Amino acid sequence: MLCKSLEFRNAVGQKIKIIDIPVLEKNNRFYFMIQVRLQLFISIFYTKPQPKSCYSFREYLKRKMSWPDFKELYRILEFRHNA
């Protein structure tokens, strides 16, 4: 699973970093749900100062999604010859 990170400054000027964002194809059944959840997650941090500066989207999804869906989303794909 490929993951990306997002770094931005909120309205207060604090630098926020969100890590472990899954990269999905548009035809994936989780694509829309992840996009909506990510927008909601970002909106939490955008207006208020936060105690931390780095947050894991994966941990957020672990709390918000059903466990079978979470396991399927973050299943580890084995690559041949470390490619």
PDB file of N, CA and C in Angstrom:
ATOM      1  N   MET A   1       0.854  -1.180   0.000  1.00  0.00           N
ATOM      2  CA  MET A   1       0.000   0.000   0.000  1.00  0.00           C
ATOM      3  C   MET A   1       0.891   1.231   0.000  1.00  0.00           C
ATOM      4  N   LEU A   2       0.633   2.098  -0.925  1.00  0.00           N
ATOM      5  CA  LEU A   2       1.338   3.369  -0.971  1.00  0.00           C
ATOM      6  C   LEU A   2       0.581   4.386  -0.132  1.00  0.00           C
ATOM      7  N   CYS A   3       1.316   5.143   0.637  1.00  0.00           N
ATOM      8  CA  CYS A   3       0.716   6.185   1.468  1.00  0.00           C
ATOM      9  C   CYS A   3       1.411   7.508   1.180  1.00  0.00           C
ATOM     10  N   LYS A   4       0.662   8.576   1.330  1.00  0.00           N
ATOM     11  CA  LYS A   4       1.235   9.911   1.140  1.00  0.00           C
ATOM     12  C   LYS A   4       1.047  10.703   2.424  1.00  0.00           C
ATOM     13  N   SER A   5       1.667  11.854   2.475  1.00  0.00           N
ATOM     14  CA  SER A   5       1.496  12.741   3.622  1.00  0.00           C
ATOM     15  C   SER A   5       1.109  14.119   3.101  1.00  0.00           C
ATOM     16  N   LEU A   6       0.501  14.896   3.970  1.00  0.00           N
ATOM     17  CA  LEU A   6       0.035  16.224   3.619  1.00  0.00           C
ATOM     18  C   LEU A   6       0.494  17.183   4.706  1.00  0.00           C
ATOM     19  N   GLU A   7       1.064  18.309   4.280  1.00  0.00           N
ATOM     20  CA  GLU A   7       1.556  19.296   5.230  1.00  0.00           C
ATOM     21  C   GLU A   7       0.963  20.655   4.850  1.00  0.00           C
ATOM     22  N   PHE A   8       0.389  21.353   5.827  1.00  0.00           N
ATOM     23  CA  PHE A   8      -0.227  22.651   5.563  1.00  0.00           C
ATOM     24  C   PHE A   8      -0.186  23.500   6.824  1.00  0.00           C
ATOM     25  N   ARG A   9      -0.501  24.773   6.643  1.00  0.00           N
ATOM     26  CA  ARG A   9      -0.610  25.684   7.782  1.00  0.00           C
ATOM     27  C   ARG A   9      -2.087  25.979   8.001  1.00  0.00           C
ATOM     28  N   ASN A  10      -2.510  25.897   9.262  1.00  0.00           N
ATOM     29  CA  ASN A  10      -3.916  26.165   9.553  1.00  0.00           C
ATOM     30  C   ASN A  10      -4.157  27.668   9.629  1.00  0.00           C
ATOM     31  N   ALA A  11      -5.383  28.078   9.942  1.00  0.00           N
ATOM     32  CA  ALA A  11      -5.759  29.495   9.961  1.00  0.00           C
ATOM     33  C   ALA A  11      -4.986  30.284  11.015  1.00  0.00           C
ATOM     34  N   VAL A  12      -4.506  29.618  12.059  1.00  0.00           N
ATOM     35  CA  VAL A  12      -3.747  30.261  13.123  1.00  0.00           C
ATOM     36  C   VAL A  12      -2.270  30.409  12.736  1.00  0.00           C
ATOM     37  N   GLY A  13      -1.825  29.658  11.727  1.00  0.00           N
ATOM     38  CA  GLY A  13      -0.437  29.705  11.284  1.00  0.00           C
ATOM     39  C   GLY A  13       0.395  28.526  11.745  1.00  0.00           C
ATOM     40  N   GLN A  14      -0.199  27.598  12.459  1.00  0.00           N
ATOM     41  CA  GLN A  14       0.511  26.415  12.948  1.00  0.00           C
ATOM     42  C   GLN A  14       0.692  25.416  11.802  1.00  0.00           C
ATOM     43  N   LYS A  15       1.865  24.828  11.721  1.00  0.00           N
ATOM     44  CA  LYS A  15       2.165  23.839  10.697  1.00  0.00           C
ATOM     45  C   LYS A  15       1.615  22.488  11.145  1.00  0.00           C
ATOM     46  N   ILE A  16       0.767  21.868  10.307  1.00  0.00           N
ATOM     47  CA  ILE A  16       0.144  20.582  10.604  1.00  0.00           C
ATOM     48  C   ILE A  16       0.580  19.580   9.539  1.00  0.00           C
ATOM     49  N   LYS A  17       0.919  18.371   9.971  1.00  0.00           N
ATOM     50  CA  LYS A  17       1.302  17.306   9.058  1.00  0.00           C
ATOM     51  C   LYS A  17       0.391  16.108   9.299  1.00  0.00           C
ATOM     52  N   ILE A  18      -0.197  15.594   8.210  1.00  0.00           N
ATOM     53  CA  ILE A  18      -1.039  14.405   8.277  1.00  0.00           C
ATOM     54  C   ILE A  18      -0.331  13.322   7.479  1.00  0.00           C
ATOM     55  N   ILE A  19      -0.078  12.186   8.128  1.00  0.00           N
ATOM     56  CA  ILE A  19       0.665  11.094   7.497  1.00  0.00           C
ATOM     57  C   ILE A  19      -0.239   9.877   7.304  1.00  0.00           C
ATOM     58  N   ASP A  20       0.236   8.897   6.570  1.00  0.00           N
ATOM     59  CA  ASP A  20      -0.436   7.615   6.320  1.00  0.00           C
ATOM     60  C   ASP A  20      -1.762   7.775   5.585  1.00  0.00           C
ATOM     61  N   ILE A  21      -1.786   8.609   4.563  1.00  0.00           N
ATOM     62  CA  ILE A  21      -2.979   8.760   3.728  1.00  0.00           C
ATOM     63  C   ILE A  21      -2.855   7.759   2.581  1.00  0.00           C
ATOM     64  N   PRO A  22      -3.789   6.824   2.450  1.00  0.00           N
ATOM     65  CA  PRO A  22      -3.668   5.814   1.390  1.00  0.00           C
ATOM     66  C   PRO A  22      -3.885   6.410   0.001  1.00  0.00           C
ATOM     67  N   VAL A  23      -3.118   5.924  -0.960  1.00  0.00           N
ATOM     68  CA  VAL A  23      -3.258   6.335  -2.353  1.00  0.00           C
ATOM     69  C   VAL A  23      -4.110   5.266  -3.040  1.00  0.00           C
ATOM     70  N   LEU A  24      -5.259   5.673  -3.552  1.00  0.00           N
ATOM     71  CA  LEU A  24      -6.195   4.727  -4.158  1.00  0.00           C
ATOM     72  C   LEU A  24      -6.522   5.141  -5.585  1.00  0.00           C
ATOM     73  N   GLU A  25      -6.874   4.154  -6.401  1.00  0.00           N
ATOM     74  CA  GLU A  25      -7.336   4.442  -7.750  1.00  0.00           C
ATOM     75  C   GLU A  25      -8.783   4.923  -7.680  1.00  0.00           C
ATOM     76  N   LYS A  26      -9.212   5.661  -8.685  1.00  0.00           N
ATOM     77  CA  LYS A  26     -10.570   6.212  -8.666  1.00  0.00           C
ATOM     78  C   LYS A  26     -11.647   5.140  -8.731  1.00  0.00           C
ATOM     79  N   ASN A  27     -11.328   3.972  -9.254  1.00  0.00           N
ATOM     80  CA  ASN A  27     -12.336   2.914  -9.335  1.00  0.00           C
ATOM     81  C   ASN A  27     -12.350   2.023  -8.084  1.00  0.00           C
ATOM     82  N   ASN A  28     -11.533   2.324  -7.098  1.00  0.00           N
ATOM     83  CA  ASN A  28     -11.519   1.577  -5.846  1.00  0.00           C
ATOM     84  C   ASN A  28     -12.790   1.888  -5.064  1.00  0.00           C
ATOM     85  N   ARG A  29     -13.344   0.881  -4.398  1.00  0.00           N
ATOM     86  CA  ARG A  29     -14.607   1.080  -3.687  1.00  0.00           C
ATOM     87  C   ARG A  29     -14.462   1.980  -2.459  1.00  0.00           C
ATOM     88  N   PHE A  30     -13.252   2.182  -1.958  1.00  0.00           N
ATOM     89  CA  PHE A  30     -13.015   3.040  -0.801  1.00  0.00           C
ATOM     90  C   PHE A  30     -12.654   4.468  -1.175  1.00  0.00           C
ATOM     91  N   TYR A  31     -12.491   4.758  -2.457  1.00  0.00           N
ATOM     92  CA  TYR A  31     -11.979   6.060  -2.896  1.00  0.00           C
ATOM     93  C   TYR A  31     -12.821   7.226  -2.361  1.00  0.00           C
ATOM     94  N   PHE A  32     -14.133   7.190  -2.587  1.00  0.00           N
ATOM     95  CA  PHE A  32     -14.997   8.294  -2.172  1.00  0.00           C
ATOM     96  C   PHE A  32     -15.002   8.440  -0.648  1.00  0.00           C
ATOM     97  N   MET A  33     -15.094   7.328   0.060  1.00  0.00           N
ATOM     98  CA  MET A  33     -15.136   7.376   1.517  1.00  0.00           C
ATOM     99  C   MET A  33     -13.857   7.980   2.089  1.00  0.00           C
ATOM    100  N   ILE A  34     -12.710   7.622   1.521  1.00  0.00           N
ATOM    101  CA  ILE A  34     -11.437   8.155   1.999  1.00  0.00           C
ATOM    102  C   ILE A  34     -11.342   9.647   1.722  1.00  0.00           C
ATOM    103  N   GLN A  35     -11.802  10.084   0.556  1.00  0.00           N
ATOM    104  CA  GLN A  35     -11.771  11.512   0.230  1.00  0.00           C
ATOM    105  C   GLN A  35     -12.615  12.324   1.208  1.00  0.00           C
ATOM    106  N   VAL A  36     -13.805  11.837   1.513  1.00  0.00           N
ATOM    107  CA  VAL A  36     -14.699  12.550   2.434  1.00  0.00           C
ATOM    108  C   VAL A  36     -14.111  12.557   3.841  1.00  0.00           C
ATOM    109  N   ARG A  37     -13.616  11.406   4.293  1.00  0.00           N
ATOM    110  CA  ARG A  37     -13.033  11.326   5.638  1.00  0.00           C
ATOM    111  C   ARG A  37     -11.811  12.237   5.763  1.00  0.00           C
ATOM    112  N   LEU A  38     -11.002  12.304   4.701  1.00  0.00           N
ATOM    113  CA  LEU A  38      -9.817  13.157   4.726  1.00  0.00           C
ATOM    114  C   LEU A  38     -10.224  14.636   4.823  1.00  0.00           C
ATOM    115  N   GLN A  39     -11.237  15.041   4.093  1.00  0.00           N
ATOM    116  CA  GLN A  39     -11.701  16.426   4.169  1.00  0.00           C
ATOM    117  C   GLN A  39     -12.221  16.750   5.567  1.00  0.00           C
ATOM    118  N   LEU A  40     -12.943  15.824   6.165  1.00  0.00           N
ATOM    119  CA  LEU A  40     -13.429  16.034   7.528  1.00  0.00           C
ATOM    120  C   LEU A  40     -12.265  16.111   8.516  1.00  0.00           C
ATOM    121  N   PHE A  41     -11.284  15.242   8.340  1.00  0.00           N
ATOM    122  CA  PHE A  41     -10.118  15.200   9.221  1.00  0.00           C
ATOM    123  C   PHE A  41      -9.331  16.502   9.138  1.00  0.00           C
ATOM    124  N   ILE A  42      -9.136  17.021   7.936  1.00  0.00           N
ATOM    125  CA  ILE A  42      -8.411  18.275   7.748  1.00  0.00           C
ATOM    126  C   ILE A  42      -9.186  19.444   8.354  1.00  0.00           C
ATOM    127  N   SER A  43     -10.508  19.437   8.200  1.00  0.00           N
ATOM    128  CA  SER A  43     -11.308  20.547   8.724  1.00  0.00           C
ATOM    129  C   SER A  43     -11.240  20.632  10.248  1.00  0.00           C
ATOM    130  N   ILE A  44     -11.008  19.513  10.920  1.00  0.00           N
ATOM    131  CA  ILE A  44     -10.851  19.528  12.375  1.00  0.00           C
ATOM    132  C   ILE A  44      -9.666  20.392  12.782  1.00  0.00           C
ATOM    133  N   PHE A  45      -8.581  20.320  12.034  1.00  0.00           N
ATOM    134  CA  PHE A  45      -7.337  21.000  12.389  1.00  0.00           C
ATOM    135  C   PHE A  45      -7.214  22.395  11.810  1.00  0.00           C
ATOM    136  N   TYR A  46      -8.058  22.747  10.855  1.00  0.00           N
ATOM    137  CA  TYR A  46      -7.835  23.984  10.123  1.00  0.00           C
ATOM    138  C   TYR A  46      -8.139  25.250  10.928  1.00  0.00           C
ATOM    139  N   THR A  47      -9.130  25.250  11.781  1.00  0.00           N
ATOM    140  CA  THR A  47      -9.553  26.492  12.418  1.00  0.00           C
ATOM    141  C   THR A  47      -9.012  26.725  13.816  1.00  0.00           C
ATOM    142  N   LYS A  48      -8.606  25.684  14.524  1.00  0.00           N
ATOM    143  CA  LYS A  48      -8.182  25.835  15.919  1.00  0.00           C
ATOM    144  C   LYS A  48      -6.724  25.434  16.106  1.00  0.00           C
ATOM    145  N   PRO A  49      -6.012  26.065  17.043  1.00  0.00           N
ATOM    146  CA  PRO A  49      -4.656  25.621  17.355  1.00  0.00           C
ATOM    147  C   PRO A  49      -4.702  24.211  17.963  1.00  0.00           C
ATOM    148  N   GLN A  50      -3.715  23.402  17.643  1.00  0.00           N
ATOM    149  CA  GLN A  50      -3.683  22.005  18.065  1.00  0.00           C
ATOM    150  C   GLN A  50      -2.489  21.744  18.975  1.00  0.00           C
ATOM    151  N   PRO A  51      -2.609  20.783  19.894  1.00  0.00           N
ATOM    152  CA  PRO A  51      -1.492  20.486  20.793  1.00  0.00           C
ATOM    153  C   PRO A  51      -0.323  19.786  20.090  1.00  0.00           C
ATOM    154  N   LYS A  52      -0.613  19.010  19.055  1.00  0.00           N
ATOM    155  CA  LYS A  52       0.439  18.316  18.309  1.00  0.00           C
ATOM    156  C   LYS A  52       0.523  18.902  16.906  1.00  0.00           C
ATOM    157  N   SER A  53       1.595  18.576  16.202  1.00  0.00           N
ATOM    158  CA  SER A  53       1.725  19.072  14.839  1.00  0.00           C
ATOM    159  C   SER A  53       1.692  17.947  13.808  1.00  0.00           C
ATOM    160  N   CYS A  54       1.708  16.688  14.249  1.00  0.00           N
ATOM    161  CA  CYS A  54       1.705  15.551  13.331  1.00  0.00           C
ATOM    162  C   CYS A  54       0.614  14.568  13.746  1.00  0.00           C
ATOM    163  N   TYR A  55      -0.230  14.193  12.780  1.00  0.00           N
ATOM    164  CA  TYR A  55      -1.340  13.295  13.045  1.00  0.00           C
ATOM    165  C   TYR A  55      -1.369  12.181  12.009  1.00  0.00           C
ATOM    166  N   SER A  56      -1.819  11.001  12.418  1.00  0.00           N
ATOM    167  CA  SER A  56      -1.895   9.850  11.539  1.00  0.00           C
ATOM    168  C   SER A  56      -3.331   9.653  11.057  1.00  0.00           C
ATOM    169  N   PHE A  57      -3.517   9.697   9.754  1.00  0.00           N
ATOM    170  CA  PHE A  57      -4.826   9.453   9.167  1.00  0.00           C
ATOM    171  C   PHE A  57      -5.210   7.990   9.340  1.00  0.00           C
ATOM    172  N   ARG A  58      -4.223   7.128   9.359  1.00  0.00           N
ATOM    173  CA  ARG A  58      -4.473   5.696   9.550  1.00  0.00           C
ATOM    174  C   ARG A  58      -5.109   5.430  10.922  1.00  0.00           C
ATOM    175  N   GLU A  59      -4.606   6.085  11.965  1.00  0.00           N
ATOM    176  CA  GLU A  59      -5.170   5.912  13.308  1.00  0.00           C
ATOM    177  C   GLU A  59      -6.594   6.463  13.363  1.00  0.00           C
ATOM    178  N   TYR A  60      -6.832   7.560  12.675  1.00  0.00           N
ATOM    179  CA  TYR A  60      -8.177   8.129  12.614  1.00  0.00           C
ATOM    180  C   TYR A  60      -9.146   7.152  11.944  1.00  0.00           C
ATOM    181  N   LEU A  61      -8.718   6.568  10.816  1.00  0.00           N
ATOM    182  CA  LEU A  61      -9.574   5.617  10.112  1.00  0.00           C
ATOM    183  C   LEU A  61      -9.806   4.353  10.930  1.00  0.00           C
ATOM    184  N   LYS A  62      -8.813   3.966  11.723  1.00  0.00           N
ATOM    185  CA  LYS A  62      -8.959   2.776  12.562  1.00  0.00           C
ATOM    186  C   LYS A  62     -10.128   2.952  13.535  1.00  0.00           C
ATOM    187  N   ARG A  63     -10.323   4.161  14.016  1.00  0.00           N
ATOM    188  CA  ARG A  63     -11.421   4.438  14.941  1.00  0.00           C
ATOM    189  C   ARG A  63     -12.755   4.628  14.224  1.00  0.00           C
ATOM    190  N   LYS A  64     -12.732   5.110  12.985  1.00  0.00           N
ATOM    191  CA  LYS A  64     -13.967   5.479  12.288  1.00  0.00           C
ATOM    192  C   LYS A  64     -14.538   4.397  11.366  1.00  0.00           C
ATOM    193  N   MET A  65     -13.704   3.494  10.872  1.00  0.00           N
ATOM    194  CA  MET A  65     -14.159   2.467   9.930  1.00  0.00           C
ATOM    195  C   MET A  65     -14.420   1.152  10.648  1.00  0.00           C
ATOM    196  N   SER A  66     -15.190   0.295   9.987  1.00  0.00           N
ATOM    197  CA  SER A  66     -15.355  -1.051  10.528  1.00  0.00           C
ATOM    198  C   SER A  66     -14.038  -1.807  10.336  1.00  0.00           C
ATOM    199  N   TRP A  67     -13.765  -2.717  11.232  1.00  0.00           N
ATOM    200  CA  TRP A  67     -12.477  -3.412  11.217  1.00  0.00           C
ATOM    201  C   TRP A  67     -12.237  -4.210   9.934  1.00  0.00           C
ATOM    202  N   PRO A  68     -13.201  -4.981   9.410  1.00  0.00           N
ATOM    203  CA  PRO A  68     -12.940  -5.702   8.147  1.00  0.00           C
ATOM    204  C   PRO A  68     -12.612  -4.770   6.981  1.00  0.00           C
ATOM    205  N   ASP A  69     -13.302  -3.626   6.906  1.00  0.00           N
ATOM    206  CA  ASP A  69     -13.004  -2.662   5.835  1.00  0.00           C
ATOM    207  C   ASP A  69     -11.626  -2.054   6.021  1.00  0.00           C
ATOM    208  N   PHE A  70     -11.273  -1.746   7.259  1.00  0.00           N
ATOM    209  CA  PHE A  70      -9.956  -1.178   7.536  1.00  0.00           C
ATOM    210  C   PHE A  70      -8.850  -2.156   7.143  1.00  0.00           C
ATOM    211  N   LYS A  71      -9.014  -3.425   7.494  1.00  0.00           N
ATOM    212  CA  LYS A  71      -8.011  -4.437   7.147  1.00  0.00           C
ATOM    213  C   LYS A  71      -7.884  -4.581   5.640  1.00  0.00           C
ATOM    214  N   GLU A  72      -8.994  -4.540   4.933  1.00  0.00           N
ATOM    215  CA  GLU A  72      -8.952  -4.663   3.478  1.00  0.00           C
ATOM    216  C   GLU A  72      -8.284  -3.444   2.839  1.00  0.00           C
ATOM    217  N   LEU A  73      -8.564  -2.280   3.374  1.00  0.00           N
ATOM    218  CA  LEU A  73      -7.976  -1.049   2.836  1.00  0.00           C
ATOM    219  C   LEU A  73      -6.462  -1.036   3.001  1.00  0.00           C
ATOM    220  N   TYR A  74      -5.983  -1.395   4.172  1.00  0.00           N
ATOM    221  CA  TYR A  74      -4.552  -1.318   4.461  1.00  0.00           C
ATOM    222  C   TYR A  74      -3.847  -2.673   4.345  1.00  0.00           C
ATOM    223  N   ARG A  75      -4.393  -3.557   3.570  1.00  0.00           N
ATOM    224  CA  ARG A  75      -3.714  -4.846   3.416  1.00  0.00           C
ATOM    225  C   ARG A  75      -2.348  -4.608   2.779  1.00  0.00           C
ATOM    226  N   ILE A  76      -1.412  -5.389   3.199  1.00  0.00           N
ATOM    227  CA  ILE A  76      -0.042  -5.223   2.728  1.00  0.00           C
ATOM    228  C   ILE A  76       0.162  -6.076   1.490  1.00  0.00           C
ATOM    229  N   LEU A  77       0.519  -5.421   0.410  1.00  0.00           N
ATOM    230  CA  LEU A  77       0.796  -6.124  -0.835  1.00  0.00           C
ATOM    231  C   LEU A  77       2.273  -6.499  -0.876  1.00  0.00           C
ATOM    232  N   GLU A  78       2.528  -7.737  -1.222  1.00  0.00           N
ATOM    233  CA  GLU A  78       3.915  -8.182  -1.325  1.00  0.00           C
ATOM    234  C   GLU A  78       4.412  -7.914  -2.739  1.00  0.00           C
ATOM    235  N   PHE A  79       5.544  -7.263  -2.833  1.00  0.00           N
ATOM    236  CA  PHE A  79       6.133  -6.957  -4.122  1.00  0.00           C
ATOM    237  C   PHE A  79       7.213  -7.992  -4.439  1.00  0.00           C
ATOM    238  N   ARG A  80       7.276  -8.365  -5.670  1.00  0.00           N
ATOM    239  CA  ARG A  80       8.301  -9.316  -6.089  1.00  0.00           C
ATOM    240  C   ARG A  80       9.625  -8.603  -6.261  1.00  0.00           C
ATOM    241  N   HIS A  81      10.672  -9.197  -5.741  1.00  0.00           N
ATOM    242  CA  HIS A  81      12.037  -8.691  -5.897  1.00  0.00           C
ATOM    243  C   HIS A  81      12.184  -7.262  -5.379  1.00  0.00           C
ATOM    244  N   ASN A  82      11.433  -6.902  -4.330  1.00  0.00           N
ATOM    245  CA  ASN A  82      11.497  -5.583  -3.712  1.00  0.00           C
ATOM    246  C   ASN A  82      11.207  -4.445  -4.675  1.00  0.00           C
ATOM    247  N   ALA A  83      10.370  -4.700  -5.661  1.00  0.00           N
ATOM    248  CA  ALA A  83      10.033  -3.650  -6.627  1.00  0.00           C
ATOM    249  C   ALA A  83       8.825  -2.881  -6.182  1.00  0.00           C
TER     250      ALA A  83
END
